[in-house]
Amino acid sequence: MKKLLFFTALWLIASAAQSQPGSVDTAIIFSPSNQVNIKAVVIKPANYSDEKRFPVVYLLHGYGGAYHNWITKVPALKDYASKYQFIVVCPNGENSWYINSPVKKASNFETYITEELVGYMDKNYKTIADKRNRAITGLSMGGHGGLMLGIRHKDLFGAAGSMSGALDLEPLIAKYDFSQLIGDTAVTHFNWRSYSVLAIADSITTKDLRMIIDCGVKDGFIKDNRKLHEKLLSQNVAHDYIERPGAHNWAYWGNAVEYQLLFFRKFFNEAE
């Protein structure tokens, strides 16, 4: 009877922690590669003060956005951090497309995210510091960033996702004046192919990376998301693919993000 009461008490404590909203830090992280302090929102589960350590989900903003967008637009992230028992990190990425620019010296956001930010989190927070407990996703430019960084850094992230992701960068070069990031030379085409998700997806296998892709049917990026889905099917790469009514806006992303977090929670459960 005592043993039963003990486990019942543990269950009640765990349930209470999962029902309480998490807490939010604003971390200021010096980036050696960019030579500047960069802010990030860090959302911790309600029971963060416990002895346990937690998986981490990196959640990227879109073009024209900033580190605080996600928590401002989707305050329920505090509840999700507790419900799914992981830390959520929302870094600032400026309009970098999360790449290392060969021409803009202070725009090395691939290095910042994958080395400096992950290193900072593992050093200063109670994380589980391995790829089986680390995931990355985002919206629009951040959806590109989530899959691109996941594919290019398969040793670092075990799962990656995208919401309304810009998955083929070449058609966007003129619209977003990408010459500021990679120059306007003969190598531009090669540079963008090395970062474009549709181009680099050939290198991925199910064992490398778990993926979730989500896009609204009225989103301007839906065709490229469908192309990636078909490509992964042809390569026999397991992934979750979602499309439903919706457009390129916060109403869609605010709903989509919990599907992504649930997907990552199931992935993290496999490591337990």
C-alpha atoms as a PDB file:
ATOM      1  CA  MET A   1       0.000   0.000   0.000  1.00  0.00           C
ATOM      2  CA  LYS A   2       2.828   2.406   0.883  1.00  0.00           C
ATOM      3  CA  LYS A   3       4.483   1.742  -2.474  1.00  0.00           C
ATOM      4  CA  LEU A   4       1.189   2.426  -4.263  1.00  0.00           C
ATOM      5  CA  LEU A   5       0.746   5.696  -2.384  1.00  0.00           C
ATOM      6  CA  PHE A   6       4.321   6.696  -3.214  1.00  0.00           C
ATOM      7  CA  PHE A   7       3.845   6.189  -6.952  1.00  0.00           C
ATOM      8  CA  THR A   8       0.460   7.898  -6.828  1.00  0.00           C
ATOM      9  CA  ALA A   9       2.111  10.911  -5.203  1.00  0.00           C
ATOM     10  CA  LEU A  10       4.797  10.970  -7.881  1.00  0.00           C
ATOM     11  CA  TRP A  11       2.154  10.839 -10.597  1.00  0.00           C
ATOM     12  CA  LEU A  12       0.235  13.720  -9.012  1.00  0.00           C
ATOM     13  CA  ILE A  13       3.390  15.828  -8.765  1.00  0.00           C
ATOM     14  CA  ALA A  14       4.253  15.163 -12.416  1.00  0.00           C
ATOM     15  CA  SER A  15       0.690  15.930 -13.515  1.00  0.00           C
ATOM     16  CA  ALA A  16       0.704  19.190 -11.559  1.00  0.00           C
ATOM     17  CA  ALA A  17       3.976  20.252 -13.204  1.00  0.00           C
ATOM     18  CA  GLN A  18       2.595  19.550 -16.662  1.00  0.00           C
ATOM     19  CA  SER A  19      -0.539  21.602 -15.967  1.00  0.00           C
ATOM     20  CA  GLN A  20       1.342  24.741 -14.889  1.00  0.00           C
ATOM     21  CA  PRO A  21       2.735  27.272 -17.399  1.00  0.00           C
ATOM     22  CA  GLY A  22       6.474  27.420 -17.766  1.00  0.00           C
ATOM     23  CA  SER A  23       8.727  30.414 -17.185  1.00  0.00           C
ATOM     24  CA  VAL A  24      10.468  32.658 -19.698  1.00  0.00           C
ATOM     25  CA  ASP A  25      14.052  33.919 -19.681  1.00  0.00           C
ATOM     26  CA  THR A  26      15.633  36.374 -22.093  1.00  0.00           C
ATOM     27  CA  ALA A  27      19.204  35.193 -22.582  1.00  0.00           C
ATOM     28  CA  ILE A  28      21.869  37.531 -23.959  1.00  0.00           C
ATOM     29  CA  ILE A  29      24.544  35.464 -25.659  1.00  0.00           C
ATOM     30  CA  PHE A  30      27.814  36.777 -27.036  1.00  0.00           C
ATOM     31  CA  SER A  31      28.516  35.409 -30.499  1.00  0.00           C
ATOM     32  CA  PRO A  32      32.239  35.229 -31.348  1.00  0.00           C
ATOM     33  CA  SER A  33      31.443  34.562 -35.011  1.00  0.00           C
ATOM     34  CA  ASN A  34      29.270  37.687 -35.262  1.00  0.00           C
ATOM     35  CA  GLN A  35      31.111  39.767 -32.638  1.00  0.00           C
ATOM     36  CA  VAL A  36      27.853  40.904 -31.050  1.00  0.00           C
ATOM     37  CA  ASN A  37      25.452  39.993 -28.253  1.00  0.00           C
ATOM     38  CA  ILE A  38      22.377  38.150 -29.545  1.00  0.00           C
ATOM     39  CA  LYS A  39      19.149  37.698 -27.589  1.00  0.00           C
ATOM     40  CA  ALA A  40      17.086  34.539 -27.282  1.00  0.00           C
ATOM     41  CA  VAL A  41      13.877  33.668 -25.463  1.00  0.00           C
ATOM     42  CA  VAL A  42      14.239  30.513 -23.353  1.00  0.00           C
ATOM     43  CA  ILE A  43      10.994  28.875 -22.209  1.00  0.00           C
ATOM     44  CA  LYS A  44      11.398  26.407 -19.338  1.00  0.00           C
ATOM     45  CA  PRO A  45       8.842  23.891 -18.038  1.00  0.00           C
ATOM     46  CA  ALA A  46       7.222  24.623 -14.679  1.00  0.00           C
ATOM     47  CA  ASN A  47       9.229  21.891 -12.940  1.00  0.00           C
ATOM     48  CA  TYR A  48      12.581  23.130 -14.256  1.00  0.00           C
ATOM     49  CA  SER A  49      13.871  23.470 -10.681  1.00  0.00           C
ATOM     50  CA  ASP A  50      13.691  19.688 -10.285  1.00  0.00           C
ATOM     51  CA  GLU A  51      16.826  17.584 -10.594  1.00  0.00           C
ATOM     52  CA  LYS A  52      15.905  16.222 -14.020  1.00  0.00           C
ATOM     53  CA  ARG A  53      17.347  17.408 -17.321  1.00  0.00           C
ATOM     54  CA  PHE A  54      15.312  18.267 -20.399  1.00  0.00           C
ATOM     55  CA  PRO A  55      15.353  17.931 -24.194  1.00  0.00           C
ATOM     56  CA  VAL A  56      15.516  21.160 -26.215  1.00  0.00           C
ATOM     57  CA  VAL A  57      13.518  22.433 -29.193  1.00  0.00           C
ATOM     58  CA  TYR A  58      14.988  25.359 -31.143  1.00  0.00           C
ATOM     59  CA  LEU A  59      12.167  27.440 -32.663  1.00  0.00           C
ATOM     60  CA  LEU A  60      13.156  29.910 -35.409  1.00  0.00           C
ATOM     61  CA  HIS A  61      11.395  33.098 -36.519  1.00  0.00           C
ATOM     62  CA  GLY A  62      10.667  34.236 -40.065  1.00  0.00           C
ATOM     63  CA  TYR A  63      12.016  36.967 -42.351  1.00  0.00           C
ATOM     64  CA  GLY A  64      11.517  40.407 -40.816  1.00  0.00           C
ATOM     65  CA  GLY A  65      10.890  38.812 -37.424  1.00  0.00           C
ATOM     66  CA  ALA A  66      12.796  38.626 -34.157  1.00  0.00           C
ATOM     67  CA  TYR A  67      13.507  36.368 -31.190  1.00  0.00           C
ATOM     68  CA  HIS A  68      10.417  37.489 -29.244  1.00  0.00           C
ATOM     69  CA  ASN A  69       7.852  36.840 -32.007  1.00  0.00           C
ATOM     70  CA  TRP A  70       6.975  33.299 -31.006  1.00  0.00           C
ATOM     71  CA  ILE A  71       6.324  33.959 -27.315  1.00  0.00           C
ATOM     72  CA  THR A  72       4.448  37.189 -28.099  1.00  0.00           C
ATOM     73  CA  LYS A  73       2.218  35.651 -30.754  1.00  0.00           C
ATOM     74  CA  VAL A  74       1.834  32.208 -29.147  1.00  0.00           C
ATOM     75  CA  PRO A  75       1.980  32.661 -25.343  1.00  0.00           C
ATOM     76  CA  ALA A  76       0.668  29.090 -25.035  1.00  0.00           C
ATOM     77  CA  LEU A  77       4.280  28.023 -25.614  1.00  0.00           C
ATOM     78  CA  LYS A  78       4.698  28.386 -21.844  1.00  0.00           C
ATOM     79  CA  ASP A  79       2.015  25.738 -21.394  1.00  0.00           C
ATOM     80  CA  TYR A  80       3.496  23.517 -24.106  1.00  0.00           C
ATOM     81  CA  ALA A  81       6.946  23.581 -22.469  1.00  0.00           C
ATOM     82  CA  SER A  82       5.401  22.131 -19.314  1.00  0.00           C
ATOM     83  CA  LYS A  83       2.985  19.799 -21.094  1.00  0.00           C
ATOM     84  CA  TYR A  84       5.669  18.221 -23.273  1.00  0.00           C
ATOM     85  CA  GLN A  85       8.506  18.536 -20.749  1.00  0.00           C
ATOM     86  CA  PHE A  86      11.198  20.260 -22.763  1.00  0.00           C
ATOM     87  CA  ILE A  87      12.928  23.612 -23.097  1.00  0.00           C
ATOM     88  CA  VAL A  88      11.996  25.831 -26.056  1.00  0.00           C
ATOM     89  CA  VAL A  89      14.615  28.278 -27.366  1.00  0.00           C
ATOM     90  CA  CYS A  90      13.679  31.128 -29.721  1.00  0.00           C
ATOM     91  CA  PRO A  91      16.872  32.784 -31.006  1.00  0.00           C
ATOM     92  CA  ASN A  92      17.306  35.992 -32.964  1.00  0.00           C
ATOM     93  CA  GLY A  93      18.297  35.287 -36.555  1.00  0.00           C
ATOM     94  CA  GLU A  94      17.826  38.717 -38.158  1.00  0.00           C
ATOM     95  CA  ASN A  95      17.214  38.332 -41.929  1.00  0.00           C
ATOM     96  CA  SER A  96      20.146  35.936 -42.221  1.00  0.00           C
ATOM     97  CA  TRP A  97      18.317  32.894 -43.624  1.00  0.00           C
ATOM     98  CA  TYR A  98      20.354  31.122 -40.922  1.00  0.00           C
ATOM     99  CA  ILE A  99      23.414  30.775 -43.152  1.00  0.00           C
ATOM    100  CA  ASN A 100      27.030  31.924 -42.907  1.00  0.00           C
ATOM    101  CA  SER A 101      27.384  34.802 -45.348  1.00  0.00           C
ATOM    102  CA  PRO A 102      30.549  34.778 -47.497  1.00  0.00           C
ATOM    103  CA  VAL A 103      30.279  38.557 -48.005  1.00  0.00           C
ATOM    104  CA  LYS A 104      28.624  39.973 -44.876  1.00  0.00           C
ATOM    105  CA  LYS A 105      31.151  39.551 -42.086  1.00  0.00           C
ATOM    106  CA  ALA A 106      28.705  39.928 -39.190  1.00  0.00           C
ATOM    107  CA  SER A 107      26.182  37.401 -40.510  1.00  0.00           C
ATOM    108  CA  ASN A 108      27.300  33.924 -39.471  1.00  0.00           C
ATOM    109  CA  PHE A 109      24.068  32.526 -38.137  1.00  0.00           C
ATOM    110  CA  GLU A 110      24.642  28.911 -39.097  1.00  0.00           C
ATOM    111  CA  THR A 111      27.676  28.920 -36.809  1.00  0.00           C
ATOM    112  CA  TYR A 112      25.806  30.887 -34.171  1.00  0.00           C
ATOM    113  CA  ILE A 113      22.850  28.490 -33.990  1.00  0.00           C
ATOM    114  CA  THR A 114      24.686  25.180 -34.348  1.00  0.00           C
ATOM    115  CA  GLU A 115      27.798  25.911 -32.285  1.00  0.00           C
ATOM    116  CA  GLU A 116      27.472  28.970 -30.074  1.00  0.00           C
ATOM    117  CA  LEU A 117      23.791  28.858 -29.103  1.00  0.00           C
ATOM    118  CA  VAL A 118      23.610  25.087 -28.644  1.00  0.00           C
ATOM    119  CA  GLY A 119      26.864  25.222 -26.676  1.00  0.00           C
ATOM    120  CA  TYR A 120      25.531  28.027 -24.482  1.00  0.00           C
ATOM    121  CA  MET A 121      22.312  26.166 -23.757  1.00  0.00           C
ATOM    122  CA  ASP A 122      24.100  22.932 -22.889  1.00  0.00           C
ATOM    123  CA  LYS A 123      26.485  24.796 -20.588  1.00  0.00           C
ATOM    124  CA  ASN A 124      24.009  27.089 -18.829  1.00  0.00           C
ATOM    125  CA  TYR A 125      20.735  25.144 -18.755  1.00  0.00           C
ATOM    126  CA  LYS A 126      19.720  21.665 -17.644  1.00  0.00           C
ATOM    127  CA  THR A 127      19.625  20.138 -21.107  1.00  0.00           C
ATOM    128  CA  ILE A 128      20.136  16.581 -22.294  1.00  0.00           C
ATOM    129  CA  ALA A 129      23.078  17.287 -24.564  1.00  0.00           C
ATOM    130  CA  ASP A 130      22.734  14.775 -27.388  1.00  0.00           C
ATOM    131  CA  LYS A 131      21.017  14.674 -30.781  1.00  0.00           C
ATOM    132  CA  ARG A 132      18.309  12.283 -29.590  1.00  0.00           C
ATOM    133  CA  ASN A 133      17.093  15.073 -27.320  1.00  0.00           C
ATOM    134  CA  ARG A 134      17.545  18.036 -29.628  1.00  0.00           C
ATOM    135  CA  ALA A 135      15.195  19.288 -32.377  1.00  0.00           C
ATOM    136  CA  ILE A 136      14.836  22.389 -34.547  1.00  0.00           C
ATOM    137  CA  THR A 137      11.963  23.970 -36.476  1.00  0.00           C
ATOM    138  CA  GLY A 138      10.536  27.336 -37.459  1.00  0.00           C
ATOM    139  CA  LEU A 139       8.204  29.305 -39.697  1.00  0.00           C
ATOM    140  CA  SER A 140       8.789  30.596 -43.242  1.00  0.00           C
ATOM    141  CA  MET A 141      12.479  31.630 -43.303  1.00  0.00           C
ATOM    142  CA  GLY A 142      12.707  29.732 -40.018  1.00  0.00           C
ATOM    143  CA  GLY A 143      11.081  26.696 -41.636  1.00  0.00           C
ATOM    144  CA  HIS A 144      13.868  26.787 -44.195  1.00  0.00           C
ATOM    145  CA  GLY A 145      16.309  27.178 -41.304  1.00  0.00           C
ATOM    146  CA  GLY A 146      14.868  24.278 -39.332  1.00  0.00           C
ATOM    147  CA  LEU A 147      15.161  21.753 -42.151  1.00  0.00           C
ATOM    148  CA  MET A 148      18.344  23.187 -43.666  1.00  0.00           C
ATOM    149  CA  LEU A 149      20.240  23.185 -40.370  1.00  0.00           C
ATOM    150  CA  GLY A 150      18.791  19.799 -39.463  1.00  0.00           C
ATOM    151  CA  ILE A 151      19.978  18.272 -42.734  1.00  0.00           C
ATOM    152  CA  ARG A 152      23.379  19.979 -42.730  1.00  0.00           C
ATOM    153  CA  HIS A 153      23.975  19.112 -39.061  1.00  0.00           C
ATOM    154  CA  LYS A 154      22.564  15.617 -38.701  1.00  0.00           C
ATOM    155  CA  ASP A 155      25.094  14.925 -35.951  1.00  0.00           C
ATOM    156  CA  LEU A 156      23.582  17.711 -33.830  1.00  0.00           C
ATOM    157  CA  PHE A 157      19.812  17.456 -34.341  1.00  0.00           C
ATOM    158  CA  GLY A 158      17.819  14.249 -34.236  1.00  0.00           C
ATOM    159  CA  ALA A 159      14.614  15.818 -35.545  1.00  0.00           C
ATOM    160  CA  ALA A 160      13.711  18.849 -37.631  1.00  0.00           C
ATOM    161  CA  GLY A 161      10.566  20.556 -38.831  1.00  0.00           C
ATOM    162  CA  SER A 162       9.140  23.328 -40.950  1.00  0.00           C
ATOM    163  CA  MET A 163       5.975  25.421 -40.946  1.00  0.00           C
ATOM    164  CA  SER A 164       5.277  27.259 -44.214  1.00  0.00           C
ATOM    165  CA  GLY A 165       8.940  26.813 -45.067  1.00  0.00           C
ATOM    166  CA  ALA A 166      10.701  28.542 -47.971  1.00  0.00           C
ATOM    167  CA  LEU A 167      12.288  25.349 -49.250  1.00  0.00           C
ATOM    168  CA  ASP A 168      13.621  26.447 -52.659  1.00  0.00           C
ATOM    169  CA  LEU A 169      15.680  29.611 -52.276  1.00  0.00           C
ATOM    170  CA  GLU A 170      16.718  30.299 -55.859  1.00  0.00           C
ATOM    171  CA  PRO A 171      13.374  31.793 -57.011  1.00  0.00           C
ATOM    172  CA  LEU A 172      13.507  34.152 -54.007  1.00  0.00           C
ATOM    173  CA  ILE A 173      16.938  35.668 -54.718  1.00  0.00           C
ATOM    174  CA  ALA A 174      15.652  38.851 -56.377  1.00  0.00           C
ATOM    175  CA  LYS A 175      12.699  39.364 -54.010  1.00  0.00           C
ATOM    176  CA  TYR A 176      14.836  39.241 -50.880  1.00  0.00           C
ATOM    177  CA  ASP A 177      18.001  40.797 -52.345  1.00  0.00           C
ATOM    178  CA  PHE A 178      20.104  37.797 -51.408  1.00  0.00           C
ATOM    179  CA  SER A 179      23.153  39.385 -53.059  1.00  0.00           C
ATOM    180  CA  GLN A 180      23.682  41.167 -49.715  1.00  0.00           C
ATOM    181  CA  LEU A 181      24.293  37.765 -48.129  1.00  0.00           C
ATOM    182  CA  ILE A 182      26.104  35.746 -50.784  1.00  0.00           C
ATOM    183  CA  GLY A 183      27.266  38.261 -53.372  1.00  0.00           C
ATOM    184  CA  ASP A 184      26.325  38.698 -57.010  1.00  0.00           C
ATOM    185  CA  THR A 185      28.814  36.457 -58.784  1.00  0.00           C
ATOM    186  CA  ALA A 186      28.945  33.283 -60.839  1.00  0.00           C
ATOM    187  CA  VAL A 187      29.104  31.178 -57.676  1.00  0.00           C
ATOM    188  CA  THR A 188      25.780  32.528 -56.383  1.00  0.00           C
ATOM    189  CA  HIS A 189      23.824  29.653 -57.906  1.00  0.00           C
ATOM    190  CA  PHE A 190      26.083  27.080 -56.258  1.00  0.00           C
ATOM    191  CA  ASN A 191      25.942  28.872 -52.899  1.00  0.00           C
ATOM    192  CA  TRP A 192      22.173  28.841 -52.791  1.00  0.00           C
ATOM    193  CA  ARG A 193      21.873  25.248 -53.896  1.00  0.00           C
ATOM    194  CA  SER A 194      24.086  24.260 -50.968  1.00  0.00           C
ATOM    195  CA  TYR A 195      21.544  25.840 -48.597  1.00  0.00           C
ATOM    196  CA  SER A 196      18.270  25.135 -50.412  1.00  0.00           C
ATOM    197  CA  VAL A 197      16.322  22.334 -48.704  1.00  0.00           C
ATOM    198  CA  LEU A 198      14.968  20.909 -51.960  1.00  0.00           C
ATOM    199  CA  ALA A 199      18.527  20.578 -53.271  1.00  0.00           C
ATOM    200  CA  ILE A 200      20.183  19.085 -50.193  1.00  0.00           C
ATOM    201  CA  ALA A 201      17.346  16.711 -49.245  1.00  0.00           C
ATOM    202  CA  ASP A 202      18.958  14.093 -51.510  1.00  0.00           C
ATOM    203  CA  SER A 203      21.491  13.441 -48.758  1.00  0.00           C
ATOM    204  CA  ILE A 204      18.986  12.504 -46.044  1.00  0.00           C
ATOM    205  CA  THR A 205      17.796   9.121 -44.770  1.00  0.00           C
ATOM    206  CA  THR A 206      15.255   8.132 -42.128  1.00  0.00           C
ATOM    207  CA  LYS A 207      18.098   7.078 -39.814  1.00  0.00           C
ATOM    208  CA  ASP A 208      19.706  10.515 -40.107  1.00  0.00           C
ATOM    209  CA  LEU A 209      16.809  12.760 -39.179  1.00  0.00           C
ATOM    210  CA  ARG A 210      13.119  12.636 -38.261  1.00  0.00           C
ATOM    211  CA  MET A 211      11.140  15.313 -40.097  1.00  0.00           C
ATOM    212  CA  ILE A 212       7.766  17.033 -39.924  1.00  0.00           C
ATOM    213  CA  ILE A 213       6.642  19.378 -42.710  1.00  0.00           C
ATOM    214  CA  ASP A 214       3.508  21.537 -42.503  1.00  0.00           C
ATOM    215  CA  CYS A 215       2.082  24.107 -44.934  1.00  0.00           C
ATOM    216  CA  GLY A 216      -1.324  25.671 -45.600  1.00  0.00           C
ATOM    217  CA  VAL A 217      -2.982  25.058 -48.956  1.00  0.00           C
ATOM    218  CA  LYS A 218      -3.297  28.823 -49.584  1.00  0.00           C
ATOM    219  CA  ASP A 219       0.352  29.480 -48.713  1.00  0.00           C
ATOM    220  CA  GLY A 220       2.607  30.749 -51.499  1.00  0.00           C
ATOM    221  CA  PHE A 221       5.165  28.085 -50.563  1.00  0.00           C
ATOM    222  CA  ILE A 222       2.774  25.121 -50.823  1.00  0.00           C
ATOM    223  CA  LYS A 223       4.128  23.909 -54.188  1.00  0.00           C
ATOM    224  CA  ASP A 224       7.677  23.619 -52.878  1.00  0.00           C
ATOM    225  CA  ASN A 225       6.469  21.869 -49.731  1.00  0.00           C
ATOM    226  CA  ARG A 226       4.634  19.355 -51.890  1.00  0.00           C
ATOM    227  CA  LYS A 227       7.782  18.894 -53.983  1.00  0.00           C
ATOM    228  CA  LEU A 228       9.785  18.076 -50.873  1.00  0.00           C
ATOM    229  CA  HIS A 229       7.109  15.642 -49.714  1.00  0.00           C
ATOM    230  CA  GLU A 230       7.193  13.847 -53.086  1.00  0.00           C
ATOM    231  CA  LYS A 231      10.992  13.809 -53.101  1.00  0.00           C
ATOM    232  CA  LEU A 232      11.140  12.229 -49.651  1.00  0.00           C
ATOM    233  CA  LEU A 233       8.537   9.649 -50.655  1.00  0.00           C
ATOM    234  CA  SER A 234      10.586   8.745 -53.731  1.00  0.00           C
ATOM    235  CA  GLN A 235      13.663   8.328 -51.512  1.00  0.00           C
ATOM    236  CA  ASN A 236      11.681   6.221 -49.027  1.00  0.00           C
ATOM    237  CA  VAL A 237      12.455   8.696 -46.245  1.00  0.00           C
ATOM    238  CA  ALA A 238       9.910   8.521 -43.421  1.00  0.00           C
ATOM    239  CA  HIS A 239       8.417  11.880 -42.477  1.00  0.00           C
ATOM    240  CA  ASP A 240       5.185  13.492 -41.322  1.00  0.00           C
ATOM    241  CA  TYR A 241       3.587  15.770 -43.915  1.00  0.00           C
ATOM    242  CA  ILE A 242       0.621  18.025 -43.144  1.00  0.00           C
ATOM    243  CA  GLU A 243      -1.326  20.394 -45.342  1.00  0.00           C
ATOM    244  CA  ARG A 244      -4.682  21.856 -44.414  1.00  0.00           C
ATOM    245  CA  PRO A 245      -6.731  25.012 -45.022  1.00  0.00           C
ATOM    246  CA  GLY A 246      -4.669  28.061 -44.155  1.00  0.00           C
ATOM    247  CA  ALA A 247      -2.309  30.743 -45.388  1.00  0.00           C
ATOM    248  CA  HIS A 248       1.050  32.308 -44.546  1.00  0.00           C
ATOM    249  CA  ASN A 249       0.077  33.896 -41.245  1.00  0.00           C
ATOM    250  CA  TRP A 250       0.133  33.611 -37.460  1.00  0.00           C
ATOM    251  CA  ALA A 251      -3.328  32.071 -37.335  1.00  0.00           C
ATOM    252  CA  TYR A 252      -1.839  29.084 -39.147  1.00  0.00           C
ATOM    253  CA  TRP A 253       1.488  28.921 -37.284  1.00  0.00           C
ATOM    254  CA  GLY A 254      -0.140  29.322 -33.877  1.00  0.00           C
ATOM    255  CA  ASN A 255      -2.090  26.151 -34.589  1.00  0.00           C
ATOM    256  CA  ALA A 256       0.683  24.275 -36.402  1.00  0.00           C
ATOM    257  CA  VAL A 257       3.332  24.660 -33.728  1.00  0.00           C
ATOM    258  CA  GLU A 258       1.730  22.260 -31.258  1.00  0.00           C
ATOM    259  CA  TYR A 259       1.678  19.511 -33.896  1.00  0.00           C
ATOM    260  CA  GLN A 260       5.409  20.065 -34.318  1.00  0.00           C
ATOM    261  CA  LEU A 261       6.045  19.963 -30.568  1.00  0.00           C
ATOM    262  CA  LEU A 262       3.996  16.776 -30.150  1.00  0.00           C
ATOM    263  CA  PHE A 263       6.005  15.177 -32.969  1.00  0.00           C
ATOM    264  CA  PHE A 264       9.250  16.103 -31.195  1.00  0.00           C
ATOM    265  CA  ARG A 265       7.956  14.824 -27.840  1.00  0.00           C
ATOM    266  CA  LYS A 266       7.264  11.433 -29.411  1.00  0.00           C
ATOM    267  CA  PHE A 267      10.766  11.452 -30.885  1.00  0.00           C
ATOM    268  CA  PHE A 268      12.328  12.324 -27.517  1.00  0.00           C
ATOM    269  CA  ASN A 269      10.345   9.526 -25.866  1.00  0.00           C
ATOM    270  CA  GLU A 270      12.257   7.010 -27.973  1.00  0.00           C
ATOM    271  CA  ALA A 271      15.488   8.044 -26.242  1.00  0.00           C
ATOM    272  CA  GLU A 272      14.136   7.511 -22.726  1.00  0.00           C
END
